[in-house]
Amino acid sequence: MLYQNGVQLRSRDNERHVQPGSFGDQPRDGDESRTVAGVVPGRAQAGRPTLMARRGSLDAIADDSTIADIVDQLDKPVEYVRRVLEKLEHCRRVHGDAQVRVGVRSRSQCPNYLIEYPYEDRKTRKTVVHPDAAYSGSTHRELAPRHIEDEKNWSPEEMNITAVAALIGRLRHPNTASRLPDED
């Protein structure tokens, strides 16, 4: 017999069975398994089992987090930071500078991020930050512009390109001593 995620895929009579305890079900009336070929209340419609996708746990990201604050929670920290750094370097080539803010409403294992660039307004002589693009933390593809507009999505704290480059250096070489003198 072949099982996948608690579902018996093949049996002698080629029916699909659910093992007791899978999908949160409890065995009923001493049955060793329950047939899902028919409609099982709360589990199947039109003869097909309803399977729910597993989603990663949603660990809360603090509202003022940076990538450095959540690096221990990332699924693949070196790869994630490397891809963010790529986007930052592209923004810097185009606009002269770049910084990143983390999406506080996304999964902490691969949070979305917003790339921005600061520039000086010639009239007011003040530094203004302009968004470049928002990216998915899992695919690193650009998100629709509507994601940028909602300020609640993004941490107010940013990391500049130099800080992100230093972070990836620490991730790639964790055992090397820091070249900076110890601060007391």
C-alpha atoms as a PDB file:
ATOM      1  CA  MET A   1       0.000   0.000   0.000  1.00  0.00           C
ATOM      2  CA  LEU A   2       1.206   3.486  -0.852  1.00  0.00           C
ATOM      3  CA  TYR A   3       0.588   6.446   1.494  1.00  0.00           C
ATOM      4  CA  GLN A   4       1.152  10.149   0.968  1.00  0.00           C
ATOM      5  CA  ASN A   5       0.379  12.712   3.701  1.00  0.00           C
ATOM      6  CA  GLY A   6      -1.764  10.184   5.508  1.00  0.00           C
ATOM      7  CA  VAL A   7      -3.831   9.356   2.409  1.00  0.00           C
ATOM      8  CA  GLN A   8      -3.704   5.810   1.126  1.00  0.00           C
ATOM      9  CA  LEU A   9      -3.168   6.223  -2.599  1.00  0.00           C
ATOM     10  CA  ARG A  10      -3.548   2.575  -3.644  1.00  0.00           C
ATOM     11  CA  SER A  11      -5.268  -0.330  -2.035  1.00  0.00           C
ATOM     12  CA  ARG A  12      -6.357  -3.761  -3.146  1.00  0.00           C
ATOM     13  CA  ASP A  13      -9.687  -2.503  -4.405  1.00  0.00           C
ATOM     14  CA  ASN A  14      -8.197   0.827  -5.698  1.00  0.00           C
ATOM     15  CA  GLU A  15     -10.331   2.967  -3.364  1.00  0.00           C
ATOM     16  CA  ARG A  16      -8.820   5.904  -1.524  1.00  0.00           C
ATOM     17  CA  HIS A  17      -8.705   5.641   2.255  1.00  0.00           C
ATOM     18  CA  VAL A  18      -7.798   8.094   4.974  1.00  0.00           C
ATOM     19  CA  GLN A  19      -5.793   6.834   7.891  1.00  0.00           C
ATOM     20  CA  PRO A  20      -7.286   7.578  11.302  1.00  0.00           C
ATOM     21  CA  GLY A  21      -5.873  10.732  12.816  1.00  0.00           C
ATOM     22  CA  SER A  22      -4.922  12.331   9.505  1.00  0.00           C
ATOM     23  CA  PHE A  23      -6.390  15.736   8.752  1.00  0.00           C
ATOM     24  CA  GLY A  24      -7.301  15.949  12.441  1.00  0.00           C
ATOM     25  CA  ASP A  25      -9.853  13.127  12.153  1.00  0.00           C
ATOM     26  CA  GLN A  26     -10.392  10.650  14.936  1.00  0.00           C
ATOM     27  CA  PRO A  27     -11.205   7.007  14.254  1.00  0.00           C
ATOM     28  CA  ARG A  28     -14.925   6.393  14.485  1.00  0.00           C
ATOM     29  CA  ASP A  29     -16.613   3.224  15.682  1.00  0.00           C
ATOM     30  CA  GLY A  30     -13.321   1.370  15.852  1.00  0.00           C
ATOM     31  CA  ASP A  31     -12.705   1.641  12.105  1.00  0.00           C
ATOM     32  CA  GLU A  32      -9.094   1.277  11.091  1.00  0.00           C
ATOM     33  CA  SER A  33      -9.649   3.544   8.103  1.00  0.00           C
ATOM     34  CA  ARG A  34     -12.430   5.550   6.507  1.00  0.00           C
ATOM     35  CA  THR A  35     -13.311   5.479   2.820  1.00  0.00           C
ATOM     36  CA  VAL A  36     -13.095   8.841   1.077  1.00  0.00           C
ATOM     37  CA  ALA A  37     -14.433   7.638  -2.262  1.00  0.00           C
ATOM     38  CA  GLY A  38     -17.856   8.859  -1.196  1.00  0.00           C
ATOM     39  CA  VAL A  39     -18.665  12.107   0.556  1.00  0.00           C
ATOM     40  CA  VAL A  40     -17.237  12.246   4.055  1.00  0.00           C
ATOM     41  CA  PRO A  41     -18.745  15.126   6.049  1.00  0.00           C
ATOM     42  CA  GLY A  42     -16.349  18.048   6.223  1.00  0.00           C
ATOM     43  CA  ARG A  43     -13.671  16.285   4.198  1.00  0.00           C
ATOM     44  CA  ALA A  44     -14.852  15.654   0.658  1.00  0.00           C
ATOM     45  CA  GLN A  45     -17.191  16.987  -1.976  1.00  0.00           C
ATOM     46  CA  ALA A  46     -18.264  15.284  -5.171  1.00  0.00           C
ATOM     47  CA  GLY A  47     -16.272  12.178  -4.325  1.00  0.00           C
ATOM     48  CA  ARG A  48     -12.915  13.959  -3.946  1.00  0.00           C
ATOM     49  CA  PRO A  49     -11.072  14.531  -0.681  1.00  0.00           C
ATOM     50  CA  THR A  50     -10.506  18.124   0.285  1.00  0.00           C
ATOM     51  CA  LEU A  51      -6.815  18.496   0.991  1.00  0.00           C
ATOM     52  CA  MET A  52      -5.598  21.623   2.690  1.00  0.00           C
ATOM     53  CA  ALA A  53      -2.219  23.036   1.755  1.00  0.00           C
ATOM     54  CA  ARG A  54       0.257  23.349   4.572  1.00  0.00           C
ATOM     55  CA  ARG A  55       1.483  26.856   5.048  1.00  0.00           C
ATOM     56  CA  GLY A  56       4.591  27.773   6.951  1.00  0.00           C
ATOM     57  CA  SER A  57       4.076  29.034  10.449  1.00  0.00           C
ATOM     58  CA  LEU A  58       3.481  32.741  10.617  1.00  0.00           C
ATOM     59  CA  ASP A  59       5.940  33.938  13.204  1.00  0.00           C
ATOM     60  CA  ALA A  60       5.246  37.566  13.899  1.00  0.00           C
ATOM     61  CA  ILE A  61       7.757  40.073  12.626  1.00  0.00           C
ATOM     62  CA  ALA A  62       8.244  43.057  14.919  1.00  0.00           C
ATOM     63  CA  ASP A  63       7.059  46.324  13.396  1.00  0.00           C
ATOM     64  CA  ASP A  64      10.545  47.864  13.522  1.00  0.00           C
ATOM     65  CA  SER A  65      12.539  44.883  12.195  1.00  0.00           C
ATOM     66  CA  THR A  66      15.362  44.868   9.706  1.00  0.00           C
ATOM     67  CA  ILE A  67      16.810  41.917   7.826  1.00  0.00           C
ATOM     68  CA  ALA A  68      19.562  41.674  10.446  1.00  0.00           C
ATOM     69  CA  ASP A  69      16.908  41.305  13.176  1.00  0.00           C
ATOM     70  CA  ILE A  70      15.167  38.362  11.504  1.00  0.00           C
ATOM     71  CA  VAL A  71      18.095  36.631   9.799  1.00  0.00           C
ATOM     72  CA  ASP A  72      17.887  33.698  12.257  1.00  0.00           C
ATOM     73  CA  GLN A  73      14.274  33.040  11.225  1.00  0.00           C
ATOM     74  CA  LEU A  74      14.943  32.927   7.468  1.00  0.00           C
ATOM     75  CA  ASP A  75      14.669  29.576   5.666  1.00  0.00           C
ATOM     76  CA  LYS A  76      17.809  30.167   3.590  1.00  0.00           C
ATOM     77  CA  PRO A  77      19.492  33.242   5.055  1.00  0.00           C
ATOM     78  CA  VAL A  78      22.511  33.441   2.728  1.00  0.00           C
ATOM     79  CA  GLU A  79      20.402  32.991  -0.411  1.00  0.00           C
ATOM     80  CA  TYR A  80      17.746  35.456   0.786  1.00  0.00           C
ATOM     81  CA  VAL A  81      20.272  38.172   1.683  1.00  0.00           C
ATOM     82  CA  ARG A  82      22.205  37.557  -1.558  1.00  0.00           C
ATOM     83  CA  ARG A  83      19.047  38.083  -3.633  1.00  0.00           C
ATOM     84  CA  VAL A  84      18.153  41.238  -1.674  1.00  0.00           C
ATOM     85  CA  LEU A  85      21.696  42.523  -2.223  1.00  0.00           C
ATOM     86  CA  GLU A  86      21.323  41.925  -5.977  1.00  0.00           C
ATOM     87  CA  LYS A  87      18.203  44.105  -6.022  1.00  0.00           C
ATOM     88  CA  LEU A  88      19.937  46.774  -3.928  1.00  0.00           C
ATOM     89  CA  GLU A  89      22.944  46.851  -6.259  1.00  0.00           C
ATOM     90  CA  HIS A  90      20.678  47.258  -9.278  1.00  0.00           C
ATOM     91  CA  CYS A  91      18.872  50.158  -7.590  1.00  0.00           C
ATOM     92  CA  ARG A  92      22.194  51.770  -6.659  1.00  0.00           C
ATOM     93  CA  ARG A  93      23.436  51.557 -10.249  1.00  0.00           C
ATOM     94  CA  VAL A  94      20.277  53.273 -11.483  1.00  0.00           C
ATOM     95  CA  HIS A  95      19.650  55.808  -8.691  1.00  0.00           C
ATOM     96  CA  GLY A  96      22.975  56.253  -6.910  1.00  0.00           C
ATOM     97  CA  ASP A  97      21.989  54.763  -3.529  1.00  0.00           C
ATOM     98  CA  ALA A  98      19.690  52.077  -2.149  1.00  0.00           C
ATOM     99  CA  GLN A  99      18.142  50.804   1.068  1.00  0.00           C
ATOM    100  CA  VAL A 100      15.736  48.020   2.009  1.00  0.00           C
ATOM    101  CA  ARG A 101      12.795  47.694   4.386  1.00  0.00           C
ATOM    102  CA  VAL A 102      11.221  44.390   5.455  1.00  0.00           C
ATOM    103  CA  GLY A 103       7.555  43.511   5.044  1.00  0.00           C
ATOM    104  CA  VAL A 104       6.200  43.077   8.568  1.00  0.00           C
ATOM    105  CA  ARG A 105       2.992  41.395   7.409  1.00  0.00           C
ATOM    106  CA  SER A 106       4.694  38.565   5.545  1.00  0.00           C
ATOM    107  CA  ARG A 107       6.172  35.230   6.608  1.00  0.00           C
ATOM    108  CA  SER A 108       9.281  35.569   8.745  1.00  0.00           C
ATOM    109  CA  GLN A 109      10.922  32.652   6.900  1.00  0.00           C
ATOM    110  CA  CYS A 110      11.014  34.704   3.665  1.00  0.00           C
ATOM    111  CA  PRO A 111       9.518  38.173   4.161  1.00  0.00           C
ATOM    112  CA  ASN A 112       8.706  40.516   1.313  1.00  0.00           C
ATOM    113  CA  TYR A 113      10.938  43.563   1.035  1.00  0.00           C
ATOM    114  CA  LEU A 114      10.840  47.092  -0.337  1.00  0.00           C
ATOM    115  CA  ILE A 115      13.819  48.617  -2.134  1.00  0.00           C
ATOM    116  CA  GLU A 116      14.038  52.416  -1.886  1.00  0.00           C
ATOM    117  CA  TYR A 117      16.501  55.120  -2.802  1.00  0.00           C
ATOM    118  CA  PRO A 118      17.134  58.401  -1.029  1.00  0.00           C
ATOM    119  CA  TYR A 119      17.743  61.564  -3.019  1.00  0.00           C
ATOM    120  CA  GLU A 120      18.065  65.230  -2.232  1.00  0.00           C
ATOM    121  CA  ASP A 121      15.204  67.460  -3.305  1.00  0.00           C
ATOM    122  CA  ARG A 122      16.870  70.395  -5.076  1.00  0.00           C
ATOM    123  CA  LYS A 123      14.253  72.932  -4.018  1.00  0.00           C
ATOM    124  CA  THR A 124      13.965  72.093  -0.324  1.00  0.00           C
ATOM    125  CA  ARG A 125      17.480  70.659   0.116  1.00  0.00           C
ATOM    126  CA  LYS A 126      15.953  67.801   2.134  1.00  0.00           C
ATOM    127  CA  THR A 127      16.596  64.124   1.629  1.00  0.00           C
ATOM    128  CA  VAL A 128      13.519  62.342   0.304  1.00  0.00           C
ATOM    129  CA  VAL A 129      13.134  58.563   0.101  1.00  0.00           C
ATOM    130  CA  HIS A 130      11.438  57.216  -3.004  1.00  0.00           C
ATOM    131  CA  PRO A 131      10.322  53.577  -3.411  1.00  0.00           C
ATOM    132  CA  ASP A 132      11.932  51.677  -6.273  1.00  0.00           C
ATOM    133  CA  ALA A 133      10.093  48.329  -6.101  1.00  0.00           C
ATOM    134  CA  ALA A 134       8.659  45.741  -3.710  1.00  0.00           C
ATOM    135  CA  TYR A 135       9.646  42.102  -4.047  1.00  0.00           C
ATOM    136  CA  SER A 136       8.303  38.749  -2.922  1.00  0.00           C
ATOM    137  CA  GLY A 137      10.573  37.225  -0.313  1.00  0.00           C
ATOM    138  CA  SER A 138       9.987  33.689  -1.568  1.00  0.00           C
ATOM    139  CA  THR A 139      10.381  34.213  -5.330  1.00  0.00           C
ATOM    140  CA  HIS A 140      12.232  37.577  -5.374  1.00  0.00           C
ATOM    141  CA  ARG A 141       9.935  38.710  -8.169  1.00  0.00           C
ATOM    142  CA  GLU A 142       8.614  42.230  -8.269  1.00  0.00           C
ATOM    143  CA  LEU A 143       5.247  42.781  -6.585  1.00  0.00           C
ATOM    144  CA  ALA A 144       2.472  44.970  -7.940  1.00  0.00           C
ATOM    145  CA  PRO A 145       2.805  48.696  -7.123  1.00  0.00           C
ATOM    146  CA  ARG A 146      -0.260  48.542  -4.858  1.00  0.00           C
ATOM    147  CA  HIS A 147       1.841  46.656  -2.283  1.00  0.00           C
ATOM    148  CA  ILE A 148       4.189  49.619  -1.927  1.00  0.00           C
ATOM    149  CA  GLU A 149       1.443  52.108  -1.126  1.00  0.00           C
ATOM    150  CA  ASP A 150       0.288  50.593   2.180  1.00  0.00           C
ATOM    151  CA  GLU A 151       2.804  51.848   4.767  1.00  0.00           C
ATOM    152  CA  LYS A 152       1.540  49.285   7.316  1.00  0.00           C
ATOM    153  CA  ASN A 153       3.169  46.552   5.214  1.00  0.00           C
ATOM    154  CA  TRP A 154       6.692  47.858   5.775  1.00  0.00           C
ATOM    155  CA  SER A 155       8.971  48.315   8.738  1.00  0.00           C
ATOM    156  CA  PRO A 156       9.965  51.947   9.360  1.00  0.00           C
ATOM    157  CA  GLU A 157      13.578  50.805   9.895  1.00  0.00           C
ATOM    158  CA  GLU A 158      15.793  50.363   6.852  1.00  0.00           C
ATOM    159  CA  MET A 159      19.177  48.866   6.047  1.00  0.00           C
ATOM    160  CA  ASN A 160      21.427  50.502   3.495  1.00  0.00           C
ATOM    161  CA  ILE A 161      23.375  48.554   0.912  1.00  0.00           C
ATOM    162  CA  THR A 162      26.582  48.676   2.978  1.00  0.00           C
ATOM    163  CA  ALA A 163      24.869  47.113   6.008  1.00  0.00           C
ATOM    164  CA  VAL A 164      23.352  44.334   3.877  1.00  0.00           C
ATOM    165  CA  ALA A 165      26.742  43.617   2.278  1.00  0.00           C
ATOM    166  CA  ALA A 166      28.294  43.373   5.759  1.00  0.00           C
ATOM    167  CA  LEU A 167      25.473  41.048   6.863  1.00  0.00           C
ATOM    168  CA  ILE A 168      26.037  38.619   4.001  1.00  0.00           C
ATOM    169  CA  GLY A 169      29.758  38.641   4.796  1.00  0.00           C
ATOM    170  CA  ARG A 170      29.001  37.607   8.383  1.00  0.00           C
ATOM    171  CA  LEU A 171      26.618  34.895   7.162  1.00  0.00           C
ATOM    172  CA  ARG A 172      29.098  33.455   4.693  1.00  0.00           C
ATOM    173  CA  HIS A 173      32.049  33.574   7.118  1.00  0.00           C
ATOM    174  CA  PRO A 174      30.635  33.267  10.648  1.00  0.00           C
ATOM    175  CA  ASN A 175      33.854  32.034  12.266  1.00  0.00           C
ATOM    176  CA  THR A 176      36.151  34.803  11.081  1.00  0.00           C
ATOM    177  CA  ALA A 177      36.934  37.487  13.598  1.00  0.00           C
ATOM    178  CA  SER A 178      35.520  40.919  12.990  1.00  0.00           C
ATOM    179  CA  ARG A 179      38.010  43.378  11.547  1.00  0.00           C
ATOM    180  CA  LEU A 180      36.472  46.175  13.568  1.00  0.00           C
ATOM    181  CA  PRO A 181      37.941  46.873  17.005  1.00  0.00           C
ATOM    182  CA  ASP A 182      35.816  45.818  19.944  1.00  0.00           C
ATOM    183  CA  GLU A 183      33.662  48.576  21.313  1.00  0.00           C
ATOM    184  CA  ASP A 184      33.311  48.867  25.061  1.00  0.00           C
END
